[in-house]
Amino acid sequence: MRHAWRQLVDPALLPSAQIHRAMARARLSHHAYGVQLLKPSTALACAA
């Protein structure tokens, strides 16, 4: 899952449509993993 975060941190690697899709996937994964591992605000800050 970490490679997806790396792509999100560097938006130049992906078209905006794929970025939005990846962020949606990451948000779903966060709920699946358990949000206690990473605060939602921190996740948004990393994705921004």
Protein backbone atom coordinates (compact mmCIF):
# COMPACT_ATOMS: atom_id res chain seq x y z
CA MET A 1 0.00 0.00 0.00
CA ARG A 2 2.94 2.31 0.62
CA HIS A 3 3.73 2.70 -3.09
CA ALA A 4 0.26 4.17 -3.60
CA TRP A 5 1.00 6.81 -0.94
CA ARG A 6 4.26 7.68 -2.68
CA GLN A 7 2.35 8.28 -5.91
CA LEU A 8 -0.13 10.48 -4.06
CA VAL A 9 2.65 12.55 -2.54
CA ASP A 10 4.07 13.22 -6.02
CA PRO A 11 1.00 14.15 -8.13
CA ALA A 12 3.12 14.83 -11.22
CA LEU A 13 3.43 11.06 -11.70
CA LEU A 14 -0.30 10.56 -12.25
CA PRO A 15 -3.15 12.21 -14.16
CA SER A 16 -5.62 13.94 -11.86
CA ALA A 17 -8.33 11.34 -12.52
CA GLN A 18 -6.05 8.54 -11.32
CA ILE A 19 -5.08 10.63 -8.29
CA HIS A 20 -8.72 11.02 -7.26
CA ARG A 21 -9.28 7.31 -7.77
CA ALA A 22 -6.18 6.48 -5.73
CA MET A 23 -7.25 8.82 -2.92
CA ALA A 24 -10.68 7.18 -2.83
CA ARG A 25 -9.01 3.77 -2.70
CA ALA A 26 -6.68 4.95 0.07
CA ARG A 27 -9.62 6.26 2.09
CA LEU A 28 -11.37 2.90 1.79
CA SER A 29 -8.17 1.11 2.78
CA HIS A 30 -7.86 3.31 5.84
CA HIS A 31 -11.28 2.21 7.02
CA ALA A 32 -10.36 -1.40 6.27
CA TYR A 33 -7.02 -1.21 8.12
CA GLY A 34 -8.45 0.81 10.98
CA VAL A 35 -8.31 4.58 11.18
CA GLN A 36 -6.59 4.31 14.57
CA LEU A 37 -3.32 3.63 12.72
CA LEU A 38 -3.40 6.99 10.99
CA LYS A 39 -5.59 9.97 11.81
CA PRO A 40 -7.84 11.05 8.90
CA SER A 41 -6.48 14.60 9.13
CA THR A 42 -2.93 13.27 8.77
CA ALA A 43 -3.96 11.13 5.81
CA LEU A 44 -5.50 14.14 4.08
CA ALA A 45 -2.39 16.20 4.77
CA CYS A 46 -0.21 13.49 3.22
CA ALA A 47 -2.46 13.19 0.18
CA ALA A 48 -2.69 16.94 -0.39
